[in-house]
C-alpha atoms as a PDB file:
ATOM      1  CA  MET A   1     -13.307  20.580  13.439  1.00  0.00           C
ATOM      2  CA  GLN A   2     -12.887  19.276   9.896  1.00  0.00           C
ATOM      3  CA  SER A   3     -15.250  20.710   7.298  1.00  0.00           C
ATOM      4  CA  GLN A   4     -17.762  18.282   5.838  1.00  0.00           C
ATOM      5  CA  THR A   5     -18.117  20.351   2.650  1.00  0.00           C
ATOM      6  CA  LEU A   6     -16.868  18.701  -0.532  1.00  0.00           C
ATOM      7  CA  ASN A   7     -16.112  20.577  -3.718  1.00  0.00           C
ATOM      8  CA  THR A   8     -17.891  18.434  -6.316  1.00  0.00           C
ATOM      9  CA  ALA A   9     -14.892  18.768  -8.642  1.00  0.00           C
ATOM     10  CA  GLN A  10     -12.477  17.668  -5.928  1.00  0.00           C
ATOM     11  CA  LYS A  11     -10.887  14.245  -6.176  1.00  0.00           C
ATOM     12  CA  VAL A  12     -11.087  11.951  -3.140  1.00  0.00           C
ATOM     13  CA  ALA A  13      -8.446   9.443  -2.036  1.00  0.00           C
ATOM     14  CA  VAL A  14      -8.263   6.876   0.760  1.00  0.00           C
ATOM     15  CA  VAL A  15      -4.792   5.840   1.961  1.00  0.00           C
ATOM     16  CA  THR A  16      -4.076   3.156   4.551  1.00  0.00           C
ATOM     17  CA  GLY A  17      -0.902   3.315   6.583  1.00  0.00           C
ATOM     18  CA  GLY A  18      -1.118   7.028   5.859  1.00  0.00           C
ATOM     19  CA  SER A  19       0.530   8.464   8.948  1.00  0.00           C
ATOM     20  CA  SER A  20       4.142   7.472   8.232  1.00  0.00           C
ATOM     21  CA  GLY A  21       6.572   6.207   5.601  1.00  0.00           C
ATOM     22  CA  ILE A  22       5.357   5.701   2.040  1.00  0.00           C
ATOM     23  CA  GLY A  23       1.743   6.245   3.078  1.00  0.00           C
ATOM     24  CA  LEU A  24       2.509   9.672   4.518  1.00  0.00           C
ATOM     25  CA  SER A  25       4.268  10.608   1.277  1.00  0.00           C
ATOM     26  CA  PHE A  26       1.180   9.585  -0.711  1.00  0.00           C
ATOM     27  CA  VAL A  27      -0.989  11.718   1.574  1.00  0.00           C
ATOM     28  CA  THR A  28       1.397  14.675   1.287  1.00  0.00           C
ATOM     29  CA  GLU A  29       1.565  14.509  -2.517  1.00  0.00           C
ATOM     30  CA  LEU A  30      -2.193  14.208  -2.953  1.00  0.00           C
ATOM     31  CA  HIS A  31      -2.949  16.941  -0.414  1.00  0.00           C
ATOM     32  CA  ALA A  32      -0.553  19.308  -2.199  1.00  0.00           C
ATOM     33  CA  ALA A  33      -2.331  18.541  -5.479  1.00  0.00           C
ATOM     34  CA  GLY A  34      -5.688  19.573  -4.009  1.00  0.00           C
ATOM     35  CA  TRP A  35      -7.185  16.163  -3.295  1.00  0.00           C
ATOM     36  CA  LEU A  36      -9.395  15.480  -0.306  1.00  0.00           C
ATOM     37  CA  VAL A  37      -7.480  12.718   1.458  1.00  0.00           C
ATOM     38  CA  TYR A  38      -8.657  10.236   4.075  1.00  0.00           C
ATOM     39  CA  ALA A  39      -5.630   8.763   5.855  1.00  0.00           C
ATOM     40  CA  GLY A  40      -6.045   5.590   7.888  1.00  0.00           C
ATOM     41  CA  GLY A  41      -3.719   4.233  10.533  1.00  0.00           C
ATOM     42  CA  ARG A  42      -3.503   2.451  13.855  1.00  0.00           C
ATOM     43  CA  ASP A  43      -1.626   5.115  15.828  1.00  0.00           C
ATOM     44  CA  GLN A  44      -3.981   7.843  17.040  1.00  0.00           C
ATOM     45  CA  ALA A  45      -1.106  10.126  18.056  1.00  0.00           C
ATOM     46  CA  LYS A  46       0.452   9.962  14.575  1.00  0.00           C
ATOM     47  CA  LEU A  47      -2.914  10.640  12.973  1.00  0.00           C
ATOM     48  CA  ALA A  48      -3.377  13.685  15.203  1.00  0.00           C
ATOM     49  CA  ARG A  49       0.050  15.015  14.196  1.00  0.00           C
ATOM     50  CA  LEU A  50      -0.850  14.431  10.564  1.00  0.00           C
ATOM     51  CA  THR A  51      -3.929  16.651  10.744  1.00  0.00           C
ATOM     52  CA  GLU A  52      -1.810  19.391  12.336  1.00  0.00           C
ATOM     53  CA  GLN A  53       0.848  19.033   9.648  1.00  0.00           C
ATOM     54  CA  LEU A  54      -1.614  18.879   6.738  1.00  0.00           C
ATOM     55  CA  PRO A  55      -4.808  20.789   7.576  1.00  0.00           C
ATOM     56  CA  GLY A  56      -7.769  19.465   5.648  1.00  0.00           C
ATOM     57  CA  VAL A  57      -6.656  15.835   5.644  1.00  0.00           C
ATOM     58  CA  ARG A  58      -9.293  13.645   7.275  1.00  0.00           C
ATOM     59  CA  THR A  59      -8.195  10.641   9.297  1.00  0.00           C
ATOM     60  CA  PHE A  60      -9.658   7.408  10.582  1.00  0.00           C
ATOM     61  CA  ALA A  61      -8.200   5.001  13.124  1.00  0.00           C
ATOM     62  CA  CYS A  62      -8.334   1.516  11.714  1.00  0.00           C
ATOM     63  CA  ASP A  63      -6.557  -1.827  11.592  1.00  0.00           C
ATOM     64  CA  VAL A  64      -6.943  -3.254   8.079  1.00  0.00           C
ATOM     65  CA  SER A  65      -7.416  -6.728   9.539  1.00  0.00           C
ATOM     66  CA  ASP A  66     -10.651  -5.470  11.171  1.00  0.00           C
ATOM     67  CA  ARG A  67     -13.356  -5.659   8.520  1.00  0.00           C
ATOM     68  CA  ALA A  68     -15.966  -4.049  10.756  1.00  0.00           C
ATOM     69  CA  ALA A  69     -13.716  -1.030  11.336  1.00  0.00           C
ATOM     70  CA  LEU A  70     -13.056  -0.714   7.594  1.00  0.00           C
ATOM     71  CA  ALA A  71     -16.780  -0.938   6.874  1.00  0.00           C
ATOM     72  CA  SER A  72     -17.378   1.850   9.382  1.00  0.00           C
ATOM     73  CA  ALA A  73     -14.703   3.994   7.710  1.00  0.00           C
ATOM     74  CA  ALA A  74     -16.243   3.357   4.301  1.00  0.00           C
ATOM     75  CA  ASP A  75     -19.683   4.331   5.609  1.00  0.00           C
ATOM     76  CA  ARG A  76     -18.248   7.595   6.908  1.00  0.00           C
ATOM     77  CA  VAL A  77     -16.547   8.410   3.602  1.00  0.00           C
ATOM     78  CA  ALA A  78     -19.756   7.554   1.730  1.00  0.00           C
ATOM     79  CA  ALA A  79     -21.748   9.929   3.930  1.00  0.00           C
ATOM     80  CA  GLU A  80     -19.242  12.767   3.526  1.00  0.00           C
ATOM     81  CA  THR A  81     -18.266  12.465  -0.148  1.00  0.00           C
ATOM     82  CA  GLY A  82     -20.483   9.892  -1.872  1.00  0.00           C
ATOM     83  CA  LYS A  83     -17.531   8.428  -3.811  1.00  0.00           C
ATOM     84  CA  ILE A  84     -13.781   8.021  -3.978  1.00  0.00           C
ATOM     85  CA  ASP A  85     -11.448   8.285  -6.960  1.00  0.00           C
ATOM     86  CA  LEU A  86      -8.312   6.607  -5.638  1.00  0.00           C
ATOM     87  CA  LEU A  87      -7.787   3.771  -3.144  1.00  0.00           C
ATOM     88  CA  ILE A  88      -4.243   3.170  -1.903  1.00  0.00           C
ATOM     89  CA  SER A  89      -3.512  -0.081  -0.067  1.00  0.00           C
ATOM     90  CA  ASN A  90      -0.275   0.704   1.750  1.00  0.00           C
ATOM     91  CA  ALA A  91      -0.610  -0.768   5.253  1.00  0.00           C
ATOM     92  CA  GLY A  92       1.793  -3.601   6.007  1.00  0.00           C
ATOM     93  CA  GLY A  93       5.069  -4.439   7.637  1.00  0.00           C
ATOM     94  CA  LEU A  94       8.097  -6.720   7.602  1.00  0.00           C
ATOM     95  CA  LYS A  95       9.192  -8.861  10.526  1.00  0.00           C
ATOM     96  CA  GLU A  96      12.263 -11.030  10.325  1.00  0.00           C
ATOM     97  CA  VAL A  97      11.525 -14.696  11.089  1.00  0.00           C
ATOM     98  CA  ASP A  98      14.005 -17.579  11.396  1.00  0.00           C
ATOM     99  CA  PHE A  99      12.517 -21.025  10.788  1.00  0.00           C
ATOM    100  CA  THR A 100      15.768 -22.673  11.898  1.00  0.00           C
ATOM    101  CA  SER A 101      15.304 -21.414  15.458  1.00  0.00           C
ATOM    102  CA  PRO A 102      14.621 -23.995  18.223  1.00  0.00           C
ATOM    103  CA  ASP A 103      11.263 -22.374  19.097  1.00  0.00           C
ATOM    104  CA  VAL A 104       9.871 -22.517  15.568  1.00  0.00           C
ATOM    105  CA  ALA A 105       6.623 -24.088  16.808  1.00  0.00           C
ATOM    106  CA  SER A 106       5.795 -20.917  18.721  1.00  0.00           C
ATOM    107  CA  LEU A 107       6.501 -18.461  15.900  1.00  0.00           C
ATOM    108  CA  GLU A 108       3.815 -15.806  15.464  1.00  0.00           C
ATOM    109  CA  PHE A 109       3.072 -15.422  11.762  1.00  0.00           C
ATOM    110  CA  ALA A 110      -0.615 -14.559  11.385  1.00  0.00           C
ATOM    111  CA  PRO A 111      -0.240 -10.768  11.874  1.00  0.00           C
ATOM    112  CA  GLN A 112       2.132 -10.479   8.901  1.00  0.00           C
ATOM    113  CA  LEU A 113      -0.296 -12.354   6.661  1.00  0.00           C
ATOM    114  CA  ARG A 114      -3.195 -10.214   7.879  1.00  0.00           C
ATOM    115  CA  ASP A 115      -1.379  -6.888   7.526  1.00  0.00           C
ATOM    116  CA  ASN A 116       0.262  -7.527   4.155  1.00  0.00           C
ATOM    117  CA  LEU A 117      -2.335  -9.623   2.330  1.00  0.00           C
ATOM    118  CA  GLU A 118      -5.666 -10.034   4.065  1.00  0.00           C
ATOM    119  CA  GLY A 119      -5.766  -6.341   4.952  1.00  0.00           C
ATOM    120  CA  ALA A 120      -5.459  -5.305   1.310  1.00  0.00           C
ATOM    121  CA  ILE A 121      -8.290  -7.636   0.349  1.00  0.00           C
ATOM    122  CA  ASN A 122     -10.441  -6.302   3.197  1.00  0.00           C
ATOM    123  CA  LEU A 123      -9.762  -2.745   2.068  1.00  0.00           C
ATOM    124  CA  VAL A 124     -10.791  -3.402  -1.520  1.00  0.00           C
ATOM    125  CA  CYS A 125     -13.946  -5.201  -0.419  1.00  0.00           C
ATOM    126  CA  SER A 126     -14.934  -2.267   1.800  1.00  0.00           C
ATOM    127  CA  PHE A 127     -14.238   0.623  -0.572  1.00  0.00           C
ATOM    128  CA  LEU A 128     -14.822  -0.814  -4.055  1.00  0.00           C
ATOM    129  CA  PRO A 129     -18.516   0.217  -4.094  1.00  0.00           C
ATOM    130  CA  LEU A 130     -17.436   3.844  -3.550  1.00  0.00           C
ATOM    131  CA  LEU A 131     -14.712   3.568  -6.177  1.00  0.00           C
ATOM    132  CA  ARG A 132     -17.267   2.369  -8.735  1.00  0.00           C
ATOM    133  CA  LYS A 133     -19.010   5.744  -8.400  1.00  0.00           C
ATOM    134  CA  SER A 134     -15.982   7.566  -9.765  1.00  0.00           C
ATOM    135  CA  ALA A 135     -15.670   8.337 -13.450  1.00  0.00           C
ATOM    136  CA  ASN A 136     -12.000   7.391 -13.311  1.00  0.00           C
ATOM    137  CA  GLY A 137     -11.417   5.017 -10.397  1.00  0.00           C
ATOM    138  CA  ARG A 138      -7.908   3.810  -9.594  1.00  0.00           C
ATOM    139  CA  ILE A 139      -6.376   1.411  -7.085  1.00  0.00           C
ATOM    140  CA  ILE A 140      -2.745   1.465  -5.972  1.00  0.00           C
ATOM    141  CA  VAL A 141      -1.307  -1.572  -4.211  1.00  0.00           C
ATOM    142  CA  VAL A 142       2.023  -1.192  -2.410  1.00  0.00           C
ATOM    143  CA  GLY A 143       3.753  -4.512  -2.900  1.00  0.00           C
ATOM    144  CA  SER A 144       7.446  -5.344  -2.672  1.00  0.00           C
ATOM    145  CA  GLY A 145      10.292  -6.665  -4.761  1.00  0.00           C
ATOM    146  CA  TYR A 146      10.280  -9.490  -2.210  1.00  0.00           C
ATOM    147  CA  GLY A 147       6.899 -10.514  -3.619  1.00  0.00           C
ATOM    148  CA  VAL A 148       8.578 -11.724  -6.808  1.00  0.00           C
ATOM    149  CA  VAL A 149      11.937 -12.843  -5.374  1.00  0.00           C
ATOM    150  CA  PRO A 150      12.384 -14.305  -1.865  1.00  0.00           C
ATOM    151  CA  THR A 151      14.291 -12.846   1.048  1.00  0.00           C
ATOM    152  CA  LEU A 152      16.046 -15.216   3.430  1.00  0.00           C
ATOM    153  CA  ARG A 153      15.383 -13.075   6.492  1.00  0.00           C
ATOM    154  CA  ALA A 154      11.624 -12.704   6.067  1.00  0.00           C
ATOM    155  CA  PRO A 155       9.966 -15.722   4.403  1.00  0.00           C
ATOM    156  CA  ILE A 156       6.483 -14.929   5.734  1.00  0.00           C
ATOM    157  CA  TYR A 157       6.679 -11.374   4.429  1.00  0.00           C
ATOM    158  CA  SER A 158       7.783 -12.703   1.018  1.00  0.00           C
ATOM    159  CA  ALA A 159       4.887 -15.166   1.000  1.00  0.00           C
ATOM    160  CA  ALA A 160       2.361 -12.473   1.898  1.00  0.00           C
ATOM    161  CA  LYS A 161       3.687 -10.045  -0.726  1.00  0.00           C
ATOM    162  CA  ALA A 162       3.732 -12.808  -3.344  1.00  0.00           C
ATOM    163  CA  GLY A 163       0.065 -13.420  -2.570  1.00  0.00           C
ATOM    164  CA  LEU A 164      -0.585  -9.689  -2.805  1.00  0.00           C
ATOM    165  CA  HIS A 165       1.161  -9.600  -6.188  1.00  0.00           C
ATOM    166  CA  MET A 166      -1.155 -12.311  -7.540  1.00  0.00           C
ATOM    167  CA  PHE A 167      -4.192 -10.638  -5.983  1.00  0.00           C
ATOM    168  CA  ALA A 168      -3.319  -7.357  -7.712  1.00  0.00           C
ATOM    169  CA  LYS A 169      -2.901  -9.150 -11.055  1.00  0.00           C
ATOM    170  CA  ALA A 170      -6.200 -11.016 -10.823  1.00  0.00           C
ATOM    171  CA  LEU A 171      -8.045  -7.941  -9.536  1.00  0.00           C
ATOM    172  CA  ARG A 172      -6.691  -5.919 -12.469  1.00  0.00           C
ATOM    173  CA  TYR A 173      -8.199  -8.351 -14.974  1.00  0.00           C
ATOM    174  CA  GLN A 174     -11.500  -8.649 -13.126  1.00  0.00           C
ATOM    175  CA  LEU A 175     -11.975  -4.883 -12.892  1.00  0.00           C
ATOM    176  CA  LYS A 176     -10.892  -4.092 -16.451  1.00  0.00           C
ATOM    177  CA  PRO A 177     -14.469  -4.057 -17.790  1.00  0.00           C
ATOM    178  CA  THR A 178     -15.422  -1.511 -15.109  1.00  0.00           C
ATOM    179  CA  GLY A 179     -12.715   0.973 -16.115  1.00  0.00           C
ATOM    180  CA  ILE A 180     -11.053   0.811 -12.688  1.00  0.00           C
ATOM    181  CA  THR A 181      -7.292   0.359 -12.999  1.00  0.00           C
ATOM    182  CA  VAL A 182      -4.963  -1.419 -10.576  1.00  0.00           C
ATOM    183  CA  THR A 183      -1.348  -0.283 -10.280  1.00  0.00           C
ATOM    184  CA  GLU A 184       1.079  -2.222  -8.098  1.00  0.00           C
ATOM    185  CA  VAL A 185       4.387  -0.717  -7.028  1.00  0.00           C
ATOM    186  CA  LEU A 186       7.164  -3.196  -6.181  1.00  0.00           C
ATOM    187  CA  PRO A 187       9.948  -1.154  -4.576  1.00  0.00           C
ATOM    188  CA  PRO A 188      13.263  -2.255  -3.074  1.00  0.00           C
ATOM    189  CA  ALA A 189      14.247  -1.042   0.406  1.00  0.00           C
ATOM    190  CA  VAL A 190      12.604   2.295   1.234  1.00  0.00           C
ATOM    191  CA  ASP A 191      13.869   4.722   3.870  1.00  0.00           C
ATOM    192  CA  THR A 192      11.174   4.214   6.512  1.00  0.00           C
ATOM    193  CA  PRO A 193      11.405   3.766  10.314  1.00  0.00           C
ATOM    194  CA  ALA A 194      10.765   0.019   9.918  1.00  0.00           C
ATOM    195  CA  ILE A 195      14.168  -0.570   8.314  1.00  0.00           C
ATOM    196  CA  ALA A 196      16.138   2.313   9.789  1.00  0.00           C
ATOM    197  CA  HIS A 197      18.539  -0.245  11.315  1.00  0.00           C
ATOM    198  CA  ARG A 198      19.520  -1.732   7.935  1.00  0.00           C
ATOM    199  CA  LYS A 199      22.606  -0.316   6.226  1.00  0.00           C
ATOM    200  CA  VAL A 200      21.507  -0.839   2.618  1.00  0.00           C
ATOM    201  CA  PRO A 201      20.696   1.495  -0.295  1.00  0.00           C
ATOM    202  CA  LYS A 202      17.192   2.918   0.180  1.00  0.00           C
ATOM    203  CA  LEU A 203      14.774   4.933  -1.906  1.00  0.00           C
ATOM    204  CA  SER A 204      13.001   7.912  -0.365  1.00  0.00           C
ATOM    205  CA  PRO A 205       9.292   7.451   0.392  1.00  0.00           C
ATOM    206  CA  ALA A 206       8.544  10.666  -1.504  1.00  0.00           C
ATOM    207  CA  PHE A 207      10.198   9.308  -4.657  1.00  0.00           C
ATOM    208  CA  VAL A 208       8.192   6.077  -4.434  1.00  0.00           C
ATOM    209  CA  ALA A 209       4.937   7.966  -3.955  1.00  0.00           C
ATOM    210  CA  GLN A 210       5.606  10.409  -6.803  1.00  0.00           C
ATOM    211  CA  LYS A 211       6.560   7.739  -9.330  1.00  0.00           C
ATOM    212  CA  THR A 212       3.663   5.490  -8.339  1.00  0.00           C
ATOM    213  CA  LEU A 213       1.080   8.262  -8.614  1.00  0.00           C
ATOM    214  CA  GLU A 214       2.430   9.138 -12.055  1.00  0.00           C
ATOM    215  CA  ALA A 215       2.155   5.499 -13.122  1.00  0.00           C
ATOM    216  CA  ALA A 216      -1.383   5.159 -11.752  1.00  0.00           C
ATOM    217  CA  GLN A 217      -2.432   8.317 -13.569  1.00  0.00           C
ATOM    218  CA  SER A 218      -1.357   6.770 -16.862  1.00  0.00           C
ATOM    219  CA  GLY A 219      -2.885   3.380 -15.999  1.00  0.00           C
ATOM    220  CA  ARG A 220       0.374   1.435 -15.811  1.00  0.00           C
ATOM    221  CA  PRO A 221      -0.132  -1.999 -14.215  1.00  0.00           C
ATOM    222  CA  GLU A 222       3.204  -2.372 -12.392  1.00  0.00           C
ATOM    223  CA  VAL A 223       5.970  -0.059 -11.207  1.00  0.00           C
ATOM    224  CA  TYR A 224       9.490  -1.314 -10.512  1.00  0.00           C
ATOM    225  CA  LEU A 225      11.825   1.259  -8.969  1.00  0.00           C
ATOM    226  CA  GLY A 226      15.499   1.472  -8.102  1.00  0.00           C
ATOM    227  CA  GLN A 227      17.085  -1.931  -7.614  1.00  0.00           C
ATOM    228  CA  THR A 228      13.892  -3.743  -8.646  1.00  0.00           C
ATOM    229  CA  LYS A 229      13.753  -2.002 -12.028  1.00  0.00           C
ATOM    230  CA  MET A 230      15.467  -4.849 -13.849  1.00  0.00           C
ATOM    231  CA  LEU A 231      13.677  -7.664 -11.990  1.00  0.00           C
ATOM    232  CA  PRO A 232      11.184  -8.598 -14.748  1.00  0.00           C
ATOM    233  CA  VAL A 233      13.980  -8.920 -17.317  1.00  0.00           C
ATOM    234  CA  MET A 234      16.445 -10.639 -14.985  1.00  0.00           C
ATOM    235  CA  LEU A 235      13.869 -13.165 -13.831  1.00  0.00           C
ATOM    236  CA  ARG A 236      13.445 -14.225 -17.458  1.00  0.00           C
ATOM    237  CA  ILE A 237      17.141 -14.261 -18.286  1.00  0.00           C
ATOM    238  CA  ALA A 238      18.772 -15.529 -15.081  1.00  0.00           C
ATOM    239  CA  PRO A 239      16.156 -16.394 -12.427  1.00  0.00           C
ATOM    240  CA  LYS A 240      18.465 -18.456 -10.196  1.00  0.00           C
ATOM    241  CA  PHE A 241      21.136 -15.770 -10.190  1.00  0.00           C
ATOM    242  CA  ILE A 242      18.747 -12.963  -9.277  1.00  0.00           C
ATOM    243  CA  GLU A 243      17.091 -15.062  -6.556  1.00  0.00           C
ATOM    244  CA  LYS A 244      20.494 -15.787  -5.035  1.00  0.00           C
ATOM    245  CA  ILE A 245      21.197 -12.055  -4.828  1.00  0.00           C
ATOM    246  CA  ALA A 246      17.763 -11.310  -3.356  1.00  0.00           C
ATOM    247  CA  LEU A 247      18.122 -13.992  -0.687  1.00  0.00           C
ATOM    248  CA  LYS A 248      21.129 -12.157   0.715  1.00  0.00           C
ATOM    249  CA  SER A 249      19.514  -8.736   0.719  1.00  0.00           C
END
């Protein structure tokens, strides 16, 4: 059974999508650094393996599109710790969608919008009161390079991540007077099970987590890694050219 005792000097983090991929790397890094980590996810079996792999990590089963479930998770964290210091919105996923297909009228698109955009908003709404109780609250939003340039194979994913990018920007300005910082990471392809089938250059999840945590610690607003590193400059210099490249990726 997990201990309910909290060292008052211990930092507390909440990570969604924490049982695999980039989320698991965030959990691993923070756990190694001595944080008390709450890892959320939809797969109970993966969450169980996580607690075996990293004793002391606390988990909660939750779909970020379910506001009631997130509220319940926040209530639990409040009862056990009284505050959090870091909130990481990582849950999401990419599904390839072809709008030129004959059955376009039956395309299922709502889950991608919920997972990649609405879920992040739900998470912030649920945990922001706890984050306000920290002396140094931080939010990390896992976006995508496809949120600033489109991808031909996943237009709904691009739209959702573009919305997330604007949400992170606006949230950053709104929360500035509170001292809470918002850091968004916009990586290229990352070596996770979701894109294991794609033969393209990929960053390791551990690298993404390490660099993003470093950036959040220093209060940086945005983190571009690997192939996305030059995006801000290239979008000013040659936007059409860079979009053409991104469409094919």
